[in-house]
Amino acid sequence: MRVVIVEDNVLLAEGLRLLLDLEGATVVAVLHTADEFLPAVDEHAPDVAIMDVRLPPTYRDEGVRAAAECRRRRPGFPVLVLSQYVEHVYSAELLRQGAGGVGYLLKDRVSRVDEFLGALRRVAAGGTAIDPEVIEELLRRQHRDGPLERLTARELEVLSLMAQGHSNGAIATLLAITERSVSKHIGNVFAKLGLPADDNAHRRVRAVLTFLNASSGI
C-alpha cells in the first residue's frame, strides 16, 4: 500500500510514517501543506492519502478542500482525513462526490493503532471509515422526511455501525444479535433505500453514503 501523508504537525507526521513503515506500507511522501498534495498525487500515484483537515496558511479547511478537489479530479481516490474535533461541515464536504474510499477520524483514534490501521485499509479498498463520534453528531443532525425515515431504529443502528466500517460479525457482537439477524437487517436497509441488487460490497458502500449524506443534510 502506497501512502501520502499530509500533516503539518511534524511529530505526528513522522509517527504515522514510522507506524506505516512497521506495517509494511510504503510512505511515498510526507507533506506539510495542502498545496503540495495534488502534485504529489500526480507524481507518486499513491493508493491512499492521510490528510489533516486544517493546514497552513490559515489552518481552516485547506486539507479537506484539497482532498475534495483530488476526489473531483480522481473520483473515488481514497482519502482518510484526520481532525482534532468533530467538524460537521468538513465531514459533509468530503461526501458530496458520492463515492466510497473516504474516511474521517478524530486524531485521538490514531493512538488506537489497530482501529486506525483497519480504517486505513478499508478506505484504501474503497470502503468507508467514519469516527463513532462523527456518526453521533450526524445522527443528532438527521433531517426528517429523508430516506432514513423509512428505516426502523434497529436498521438505523446497523447502518450507523456499517458507516464506522464494522463487519457483519462485529455488528452482531456489538448489538448482541446473531449474524443472520444482521444480514436480514442489512437486506432490509438495501431494499428500503432502493439500492439495486448489484455487487453486495458496492451496495454496502452506497448504503453508507446514503446514510452519511442524509444525516449531513447535503
Foldseek 3Di string as FASTA:
>chain_A
DEEEEEDQPVVVQVVVVVLCVVVVYHDPYYHQALVVPPVSCVVPVGLEYEWEQAGPDVRDGSTLVSVLVVCVVVPLRAYAYEYQDQDLVSVLSNLPSPFFLYEYYYPVCVVVPVLVVLQNVQSSVGHYAYYPVNLVVLQVQADPPALCVPADPVLLVLLSVVNNVDDLVVSCVVVVHDSVVSVVSVVVLLVSSVPDPDDPRRSSRNSNSSSNCNSSVD
